Amino acid sequence: MSALLHIKDCYYFEVPKFLAPSHRANRNDFPGYWIRLDNEYQDWEAQRLVDGLGKSGQFHNMPAKDQLLADYHQWREQDKNFAKPLDRFLETAPSQTWFQQQLLLGKYGVKPKKGSAAQWQQRTHSAQQLRDQWQSIKIEAEDVALFNQESPGWSAEKLSQYNSQLDGKILIPQPFGKLKNNYEPESGICISKYMIIQLVVAAILILLFTRLARAVRDGRPAKGKLWNMLETFLLFIRDEVARPAIGKKDADRFVPLLWTIFLFILGCNLMGLLPWVGAPTASFGVTFGLALVTFVTGLIYGSRRFGILGYWKNLVPSMGLPLILAIPIVPMLFVIEVLGLLIKHAVLGVRLLANMVAGHLVLLAIMGMAVAAATSTSWPITASIAVVGSALFSCLELFVAFLQAYVFTFLSALFIGSAIHHH
């Protein structure tokens, strides 16, 4: 299912398994985070962490080593704690209050009454030293290279199992960050699938716009189906979106921005219809960023027209209230309008996200019918219905891709228009 629907962003591209089989011959060939998720490594690291705690001599009431490791293994067997290391166990497990109270003392604790300031400061300083010591122990304990040297290699059975899990997955190199797993970053700047898809869409738009600009640079009209299509989009955005929403006088300066937003969202939406790719607009980070562009544009051009204070003052309509009523009512209206300004831009991003994710979820439900009936005698009929339903709904998704690009662009034009005009 994940190879077709791509609802969640990740740090790999997924293709049919036969196109990208995994043939890693030994443990060193696997990515570092894959080794860190293995139970053999986590047991090895747990031993080093416990030894480090014991050698430091600064952590009191520490349970016996064997008991602590046994409690950790029992905790890790729970589904919600799968593949979590010992440091997460010590920092988050309810049973490890002995550790958490010492580590958090002075950071989230309650300051005692007057007269104990010096004692409180000393305890806070000691707690900070413990946190620093704990960070040093964790850094020293985590050493994949040393684990590969000291520990015996993985068995052929484990290598085969892990290779089967990586079949069809093209892992994205991470030169600027460190991954926790295939779906979560741990540190630095990690490059995800949606980031790459967005760059591809942006590169395509830059290429098309550059060629179109060169074609019309001498004043001659562009010829060809592609250029006519781009010109049609441009005229539609100018005449049916920008000018009605912003006004003919000011609209043309915002047409390039609105045109770019429309085509970028459309390109990202259409990527979701390609097999094994995915739609970046199904991620809130992407849609929120696009909504932020609209908000910042209105803020900048509204401030340029009315001044910084004038822009915020313009949020409250002039009602000609007497002073005795204006004093309580105007501040309340200002707070409401500011909240409304922020909320409507946030909803702008959520609306696009919800519509794109909803389509993927419906496809998932339709195709899930065939999977659920795989062992049933009615599977041929159910599978046929699922295939036909998915094809028809994919056609609807194509329409939605254009519609949501238009809706987002039109609402962006409305918000920009309201920011540069008096209420």
Protein backbone atom coordinates (compact mmCIF):
# COMPACT_ATOMS: atom_id res chain seq x y z
CA MET A 1 0.00 0.00 0.00
CA SER A 2 2.69 2.51 0.98
CA ALA A 3 4.31 2.13 -2.43
CA LEU A 4 1.14 3.48 -4.07
CA LEU A 5 -0.29 6.00 -1.63
CA HIS A 6 2.67 7.76 0.03
CA ILE A 7 0.62 9.54 2.66
CA LYS A 8 3.57 9.97 5.02
CA ASP A 9 6.86 11.67 4.23
CA CYS A 10 9.94 9.51 4.63
CA TYR A 11 13.65 9.38 3.91
CA TYR A 12 13.59 6.90 1.06
CA PHE A 13 11.90 6.32 -2.28
CA GLU A 14 9.92 3.12 -2.63
CA VAL A 15 9.70 1.20 -5.90
CA PRO A 16 8.74 -2.38 -6.77
CA LYS A 17 11.09 -4.75 -4.98
CA PHE A 18 12.46 -6.30 -8.16
CA LEU A 19 13.70 -2.88 -9.33
CA ALA A 20 15.83 -2.23 -6.24
CA PRO A 21 16.62 -5.46 -4.38
CA SER A 22 18.83 -5.20 -1.31
CA HIS A 23 21.94 -7.39 -1.42
CA ARG A 24 23.88 -6.11 1.60
CA ALA A 25 26.43 -8.79 2.42
CA ASN A 26 27.40 -7.75 5.96
CA ARG A 27 26.42 -5.45 8.79
CA ASN A 28 28.70 -2.61 7.70
CA ASP A 29 26.73 -2.24 4.48
CA PHE A 30 23.59 -1.17 6.36
CA PRO A 31 23.03 2.48 7.29
CA GLY A 32 24.09 3.48 10.80
CA TYR A 33 20.56 4.12 12.08
CA TRP A 34 19.52 0.65 10.93
CA ILE A 35 22.24 -0.86 13.12
CA ARG A 36 21.25 1.38 16.05
CA LEU A 37 17.69 -0.01 15.84
CA ASP A 38 18.91 -3.62 16.09
CA ASN A 39 18.38 -5.32 19.44
CA GLU A 40 21.96 -6.65 19.56
CA TYR A 41 23.36 -3.15 19.26
CA GLN A 42 20.89 -1.74 21.76
CA ASP A 43 21.83 -4.42 24.31
CA TRP A 44 25.52 -3.63 23.72
CA GLU A 45 24.88 0.10 24.10
CA ALA A 46 22.74 -0.50 27.21
CA GLN A 47 25.64 -2.33 28.87
CA ARG A 48 27.91 0.64 28.16
CA LEU A 49 25.34 3.13 29.43
CA VAL A 50 24.83 1.26 32.70
CA ASP A 51 28.59 0.89 33.15
CA GLY A 52 28.99 4.60 32.50
CA LEU A 53 26.38 5.46 35.11
CA GLY A 54 28.08 3.21 37.63
CA LYS A 55 31.57 4.61 36.97
CA SER A 56 30.41 8.22 37.28
CA GLY A 57 29.35 7.64 40.91
CA GLN A 58 27.07 10.68 40.73
CA PHE A 59 23.70 8.95 40.30
CA HIS A 60 22.18 7.75 43.55
CA ASN A 61 19.67 4.94 44.22
CA MET A 62 20.63 3.17 40.99
CA PRO A 63 19.16 -0.36 40.81
CA ALA A 64 21.38 -3.39 40.32
CA LYS A 65 22.71 -3.72 36.80
CA ASP A 66 20.96 -7.02 36.02
CA GLN A 67 17.63 -5.74 37.37
CA LEU A 68 17.88 -2.50 35.40
CA LEU A 69 18.63 -4.33 32.15
CA ALA A 70 15.82 -6.83 32.78
CA ASP A 71 13.35 -3.98 33.36
CA TYR A 72 14.58 -2.34 30.16
CA HIS A 73 14.07 -5.51 28.11
CA GLN A 74 10.55 -5.91 29.48
CA TRP A 75 9.76 -2.25 28.65
CA ARG A 76 11.19 -2.57 25.15
CA GLU A 77 8.95 -5.54 24.34
CA GLN A 78 5.90 -3.26 24.42
CA ASP A 79 4.78 -2.22 20.94
CA LYS A 80 4.92 1.51 21.71
CA ASN A 81 8.53 1.15 22.90
CA PHE A 82 9.79 -1.00 20.04
CA ALA A 83 13.49 -0.40 19.23
CA LYS A 84 13.85 2.40 21.81
CA PRO A 85 17.29 2.51 23.49
CA LEU A 86 18.05 2.43 27.20
CA ASP A 87 18.50 6.21 27.46
CA ARG A 88 14.86 6.69 26.38
CA PHE A 89 13.83 4.12 28.98
CA LEU A 90 15.63 5.96 31.76
CA GLU A 91 14.37 9.37 30.67
CA THR A 92 10.70 8.54 30.04
CA ALA A 93 9.64 5.27 31.73
CA PRO A 94 7.39 5.82 34.79
CA SER A 95 9.34 3.17 36.68
CA GLN A 96 12.59 5.14 36.47
CA THR A 97 11.71 8.10 38.69
CA TRP A 98 14.99 7.61 40.62
CA PHE A 99 16.84 8.75 37.52
CA GLN A 100 14.41 11.38 36.26
CA GLN A 101 14.12 13.22 39.59
CA GLN A 102 17.88 13.62 39.83
CA LEU A 103 18.18 14.73 36.22
CA LEU A 104 15.31 17.22 36.30
CA LEU A 105 15.92 18.67 39.77
CA GLY A 106 16.26 22.41 39.43
CA LYS A 107 15.04 22.40 35.85
CA TYR A 108 11.35 21.73 36.44
CA GLY A 109 11.30 21.51 40.24
CA VAL A 110 9.61 23.93 42.61
CA LYS A 111 11.82 26.51 44.28
CA PRO A 112 11.68 26.30 48.10
CA LYS A 113 10.55 29.12 50.34
CA LYS A 114 12.64 32.12 51.24
CA GLY A 115 15.75 31.34 53.21
CA SER A 116 16.81 28.35 51.08
CA ALA A 117 18.06 30.22 48.02
CA ALA A 118 21.70 29.18 48.47
CA GLN A 119 20.75 25.54 48.98
CA TRP A 120 18.43 25.66 45.95
CA GLN A 121 21.17 27.16 43.79
CA GLN A 122 23.57 24.44 44.84
CA ARG A 123 21.04 21.69 44.04
CA THR A 124 20.30 23.29 40.67
CA HIS A 125 24.00 23.44 39.86
CA SER A 126 24.42 19.79 40.85
CA ALA A 127 21.48 18.77 38.66
CA GLN A 128 23.00 20.61 35.70
CA GLN A 129 26.27 18.78 36.27
CA LEU A 130 24.35 15.49 36.25
CA ARG A 131 22.70 16.39 32.94
CA ASP A 132 26.06 17.27 31.42
CA GLN A 133 27.53 14.03 32.75
CA TRP A 134 24.61 12.05 31.31
CA GLN A 135 25.08 13.61 27.88
CA SER A 136 28.76 12.65 27.95
CA ILE A 137 27.88 9.07 28.94
CA LYS A 138 25.37 8.80 26.06
CA ILE A 139 27.83 10.16 23.51
CA GLU A 140 30.55 7.78 24.67
CA ALA A 141 28.23 4.76 24.76
CA GLU A 142 26.91 5.25 21.22
CA ASP A 143 29.62 4.02 18.88
CA VAL A 144 28.47 1.99 15.89
CA ALA A 145 32.01 1.60 14.53
CA LEU A 146 33.25 0.13 17.83
CA PHE A 147 30.23 -2.19 17.98
CA ASN A 148 31.04 -3.51 14.50
CA GLN A 149 34.61 -4.20 15.63
CA GLU A 150 33.85 -5.86 18.96
CA SER A 151 30.68 -7.82 18.22
CA PRO A 152 30.31 -10.87 15.97
CA GLY A 153 28.69 -10.25 12.61
CA TRP A 154 25.03 -10.78 11.96
CA SER A 155 23.89 -14.23 10.99
CA ALA A 156 22.88 -15.03 7.43
CA GLU A 157 19.28 -15.31 8.60
CA LYS A 158 19.27 -11.80 10.07
CA LEU A 159 20.99 -10.35 6.99
CA SER A 160 18.36 -11.98 4.79
CA GLN A 161 15.55 -10.66 7.00
CA TYR A 162 16.88 -7.10 6.99
CA ASN A 163 17.58 -7.21 3.25
CA SER A 164 13.98 -8.25 2.64
CA GLN A 165 12.81 -5.22 4.65
CA LEU A 166 14.96 -2.92 2.51
CA ASP A 167 13.97 -4.45 -0.82
CA GLY A 168 12.46 -1.77 -3.02
CA LYS A 169 13.68 1.09 -0.81
CA ILE A 170 16.11 3.59 -2.28
CA LEU A 171 17.59 5.28 0.77
CA ILE A 172 18.31 9.00 0.50
CA PRO A 173 21.89 9.94 1.55
CA GLN A 174 22.00 12.24 4.57
CA PRO A 175 25.21 14.30 4.45
CA PHE A 176 23.83 17.06 6.71
CA GLY A 177 21.89 15.14 9.35
CA LYS A 178 21.37 11.95 11.30
CA LEU A 179 18.27 9.76 11.15
CA LYS A 180 16.51 8.02 14.01
CA ASN A 181 14.71 5.72 11.57
CA ASN A 182 13.25 5.85 8.06
CA TYR A 183 10.62 8.38 9.13
CA GLU A 184 12.16 10.52 11.90
CA PRO A 185 15.24 12.77 11.95
CA GLU A 186 17.46 12.77 15.01
CA SER A 187 19.75 15.74 14.43
CA GLY A 188 20.91 18.14 11.74
CA ILE A 189 19.10 18.81 8.46
CA CYS A 190 17.78 15.56 6.97
CA ILE A 191 16.71 15.36 3.33
CA SER A 192 13.30 13.75 2.89
CA LYS A 193 11.47 12.44 -0.16
CA TYR A 194 9.08 15.39 -0.26
CA MET A 195 12.01 17.83 -0.21
CA ILE A 196 13.47 16.24 -3.32
CA ILE A 197 10.09 16.17 -5.09
CA GLN A 198 9.59 19.87 -4.34
CA LEU A 199 13.02 20.66 -5.77
CA VAL A 200 12.15 18.68 -8.89
CA VAL A 201 8.87 20.61 -9.31
CA ALA A 202 10.68 23.91 -8.73
CA ALA A 203 13.39 22.98 -11.26
CA ILE A 204 10.75 22.11 -13.87
CA LEU A 205 9.00 25.45 -13.34
CA ILE A 206 12.27 27.38 -13.55
CA LEU A 207 13.14 25.59 -16.78
CA LEU A 208 9.72 26.25 -18.31
CA PHE A 209 9.60 29.89 -17.22
CA THR A 210 13.13 30.52 -18.46
CA ARG A 211 12.41 29.05 -21.89
CA LEU A 212 9.12 30.94 -22.11
CA ALA A 213 10.82 34.22 -21.19
CA ARG A 214 13.42 33.67 -23.91
CA ALA A 215 10.72 32.84 -26.43
CA VAL A 216 8.84 36.12 -25.89
CA ARG A 217 11.85 38.31 -25.14
CA ASP A 218 11.83 39.94 -28.58
CA GLY A 219 8.11 40.74 -28.36
CA ARG A 220 6.85 37.94 -30.58
CA PRO A 221 4.02 35.76 -29.23
CA ALA A 222 5.06 32.31 -28.02
CA LYS A 223 3.99 29.44 -30.25
CA GLY A 224 3.39 25.80 -29.43
CA LYS A 225 1.03 23.78 -27.28
CA LEU A 226 3.14 24.05 -24.12
CA TRP A 227 3.57 27.80 -24.33
CA ASN A 228 -0.10 28.29 -25.16
CA MET A 229 -1.01 26.26 -22.09
CA LEU A 230 1.24 28.36 -19.85
CA GLU A 231 -0.17 31.54 -21.35
CA THR A 232 -3.70 30.25 -20.71
CA PHE A 233 -2.85 29.69 -17.06
CA LEU A 234 -1.31 33.14 -16.85
CA LEU A 235 -4.33 34.90 -18.34
CA PHE A 236 -6.66 32.90 -16.14
CA ILE A 237 -4.74 33.81 -12.98
CA ARG A 238 -4.58 37.48 -14.02
CA ASP A 239 -8.18 37.95 -15.22
CA GLU A 240 -10.11 35.50 -13.04
CA VAL A 241 -8.11 35.48 -9.82
CA ALA A 242 -5.80 38.46 -9.27
CA ARG A 243 -7.84 41.33 -10.69
CA PRO A 244 -11.21 40.37 -9.15
CA ALA A 245 -9.62 39.70 -5.72
CA ILE A 246 -6.99 42.46 -5.55
CA GLY A 247 -8.25 45.10 -7.97
CA LYS A 248 -7.08 45.96 -11.46
CA LYS A 249 -4.79 48.74 -10.24
CA ASP A 250 -2.66 46.54 -7.95
CA ALA A 251 -3.23 43.05 -9.29
CA ASP A 252 -0.58 42.84 -12.00
CA ARG A 253 2.34 43.17 -9.58
CA PHE A 254 1.16 40.05 -7.75
CA VAL A 255 0.39 37.96 -10.84
CA PRO A 256 3.91 36.43 -11.05
CA LEU A 257 3.68 35.30 -7.40
CA LEU A 258 0.16 33.90 -7.77
CA TRP A 259 1.07 32.21 -11.06
CA THR A 260 4.07 30.57 -9.40
CA ILE A 261 2.02 29.46 -6.37
CA PHE A 262 -0.64 27.95 -8.62
CA LEU A 263 1.78 26.02 -10.82
CA PHE A 264 3.93 24.88 -7.89
CA ILE A 265 0.93 23.51 -5.96
CA LEU A 266 -0.45 21.96 -9.14
CA GLY A 267 2.90 20.29 -9.84
CA CYS A 268 3.14 18.93 -6.28
CA ASN A 269 -0.45 17.68 -6.44
CA LEU A 270 0.10 15.92 -9.75
CA MET A 271 3.22 14.21 -8.39
CA GLY A 272 0.90 12.33 -6.05
CA LEU A 273 -0.75 10.66 -9.04
CA LEU A 274 2.55 9.20 -10.30
CA PRO A 275 3.38 5.68 -9.13
CA TRP A 276 5.93 5.49 -6.31
CA VAL A 277 6.36 9.26 -6.02
CA GLY A 278 3.96 11.12 -3.68
CA ALA A 279 2.39 14.55 -3.21
CA PRO A 280 4.39 16.96 -1.01
CA THR A 281 1.15 18.89 -0.42
CA ALA A 282 0.06 15.97 1.78
CA SER A 283 2.53 17.30 4.39
CA PHE A 284 1.56 20.14 6.72
CA GLY A 285 5.10 21.52 6.62
CA VAL A 286 4.70 22.17 2.89
CA THR A 287 1.20 23.64 2.99
CA PHE A 288 2.05 25.73 6.07
CA GLY A 289 5.10 27.11 4.25
CA LEU A 290 2.96 28.09 1.28
CA ALA A 291 0.43 29.78 3.58
CA LEU A 292 3.31 31.59 5.26
CA VAL A 293 4.37 33.01 1.89
CA THR A 294 0.89 34.50 1.50
CA PHE A 295 0.94 35.91 5.03
CA VAL A 296 4.39 37.49 4.64
CA THR A 297 3.45 38.97 1.25
CA GLY A 298 0.39 40.66 2.71
CA LEU A 299 2.38 41.84 5.73
CA ILE A 300 5.18 43.36 3.64
CA TYR A 301 3.04 45.08 1.02
CA GLY A 302 0.43 46.17 3.57
CA SER A 303 3.18 47.72 5.71
CA ARG A 304 4.69 49.43 2.68
CA ARG A 305 1.35 50.98 1.78
CA PHE A 306 0.06 51.98 5.23
CA GLY A 307 3.21 51.90 7.35
CA ILE A 308 3.97 49.29 9.99
CA LEU A 309 1.56 50.74 12.55
CA GLY A 310 -0.95 51.62 9.85
CA TYR A 311 -1.06 48.03 8.64
CA TRP A 312 -2.07 46.72 12.06
CA LYS A 313 -4.42 49.65 12.58
CA ASN A 314 -6.10 48.84 9.27
CA LEU A 315 -7.17 45.47 10.66
CA VAL A 316 -9.87 47.20 12.72
CA PRO A 317 -12.56 48.84 10.57
CA SER A 318 -13.43 52.45 11.28
CA MET A 319 -16.83 52.51 12.99
CA GLY A 320 -17.03 56.12 14.23
CA LEU A 321 -17.62 55.04 17.83
CA PRO A 322 -17.67 57.62 20.63
CA LEU A 323 -14.59 57.56 22.81
CA ILE A 324 -16.32 55.94 25.78
CA LEU A 325 -17.26 52.96 23.60
CA ALA A 326 -14.09 52.89 21.50
CA ILE A 327 -11.82 52.40 24.54
CA PRO A 328 -13.16 48.91 25.44
CA ILE A 329 -14.40 47.79 22.00
CA VAL A 330 -11.49 48.69 19.67
CA PRO A 331 -8.82 46.73 21.62
CA MET A 332 -11.10 43.70 21.71
CA LEU A 333 -11.74 43.98 17.97
CA PHE A 334 -8.00 44.34 17.35
CA VAL A 335 -7.24 41.12 19.25
CA ILE A 336 -10.03 39.31 17.42
CA GLU A 337 -8.83 40.57 14.02
CA VAL A 338 -5.21 39.61 14.71
CA LEU A 339 -6.28 36.13 15.79
CA GLY A 340 -8.51 35.92 12.72
CA LEU A 341 -5.60 36.95 10.49
CA LEU A 342 -3.40 34.19 11.89
CA ILE A 343 -6.15 31.58 11.93
CA LYS A 344 -7.30 32.16 8.36
CA HIS A 345 -3.75 31.74 7.05
CA ALA A 346 -3.29 28.59 9.13
CA VAL A 347 -6.60 27.26 7.79
CA LEU A 348 -5.37 28.07 4.28
CA GLY A 349 -2.61 25.50 4.77
CA VAL A 350 -4.83 22.99 6.57
CA ARG A 351 -7.48 23.13 3.81
CA LEU A 352 -5.00 22.10 1.11
CA LEU A 353 -3.48 19.43 3.34
CA ALA A 354 -6.86 17.95 4.28
CA ASN A 355 -8.08 17.72 0.71
CA MET A 356 -4.94 16.01 -0.53
CA VAL A 357 -4.73 13.55 2.37
CA ALA A 358 -8.45 12.78 2.16
CA GLY A 359 -8.09 11.58 -1.42
CA HIS A 360 -5.22 9.28 -0.46
CA LEU A 361 -7.22 7.88 2.45
CA VAL A 362 -10.20 7.10 0.22
CA LEU A 363 -7.89 5.30 -2.23
CA LEU A 364 -6.43 3.40 0.71
CA ALA A 365 -9.90 2.33 1.81
CA ILE A 366 -10.91 1.22 -1.69
CA MET A 367 -7.72 -0.78 -2.27
CA GLY A 368 -7.92 -2.18 1.24
CA MET A 369 -11.07 -4.00 0.18
CA ALA A 370 -9.05 -6.21 -2.15
CA VAL A 371 -6.43 -6.87 0.54
CA ALA A 372 -9.08 -7.73 3.12
CA ALA A 373 -10.71 -10.20 0.73
CA ALA A 374 -7.43 -11.81 -0.37
CA THR A 375 -8.24 -15.13 1.29
CA SER A 376 -11.94 -15.07 0.44
CA THR A 377 -13.70 -16.74 -2.48
CA SER A 378 -15.13 -13.33 -3.41
CA TRP A 379 -11.65 -11.92 -4.01
CA PRO A 380 -11.93 -11.69 -7.86
CA ILE A 381 -15.13 -9.64 -7.61
CA THR A 382 -13.81 -7.47 -4.77
CA ALA A 383 -10.50 -6.90 -6.53
CA SER A 384 -12.28 -5.90 -9.74
CA ILE A 385 -14.44 -3.42 -7.85
CA ALA A 386 -11.38 -2.04 -6.07
CA VAL A 387 -9.42 -1.59 -9.32
CA VAL A 388 -12.30 0.11 -11.14
CA GLY A 389 -13.10 2.26 -8.09
CA SER A 390 -9.47 3.28 -7.71
CA ALA A 391 -9.22 4.22 -11.39
CA LEU A 392 -12.38 6.33 -11.23
CA PHE A 393 -11.31 7.99 -8.01
CA SER A 394 -7.87 8.70 -9.50
CA CYS A 395 -9.65 10.65 -12.25
CA LEU A 396 -11.43 12.61 -9.51
CA GLU A 397 -8.07 13.18 -7.83
CA LEU A 398 -6.79 14.69 -11.07
CA PHE A 399 -9.66 17.19 -10.96
CA VAL A 400 -9.00 17.88 -7.27
CA ALA A 401 -5.33 18.57 -8.02
CA PHE A 402 -6.33 21.47 -10.30
CA LEU A 403 -9.20 22.60 -8.07
CA GLN A 404 -7.14 22.85 -4.87
CA ALA A 405 -4.36 24.72 -6.66
CA TYR A 406 -6.98 27.21 -7.85
CA VAL A 407 -8.68 27.52 -4.44
CA PHE A 408 -5.39 28.12 -2.63
CA THR A 409 -4.33 30.73 -5.19
CA PHE A 410 -7.68 32.51 -5.15
CA LEU A 411 -7.76 32.67 -1.34
CA SER A 412 -4.17 33.92 -1.32
CA ALA A 413 -5.20 36.70 -3.69
CA LEU A 414 -8.13 37.60 -1.43
CA PHE A 415 -5.90 37.76 1.65
CA ILE A 416 -3.30 39.88 -0.14
CA GLY A 417 -6.03 42.18 -1.46
CA SER A 418 -7.47 42.69 2.02
CA ALA A 419 -3.98 43.48 3.37
CA ILE A 420 -3.29 46.32 0.88
CA HIS A 421 -6.73 47.95 0.91
CA HIS A 422 -8.59 49.86 3.58
CA HIS A 423 -11.40 47.99 5.31
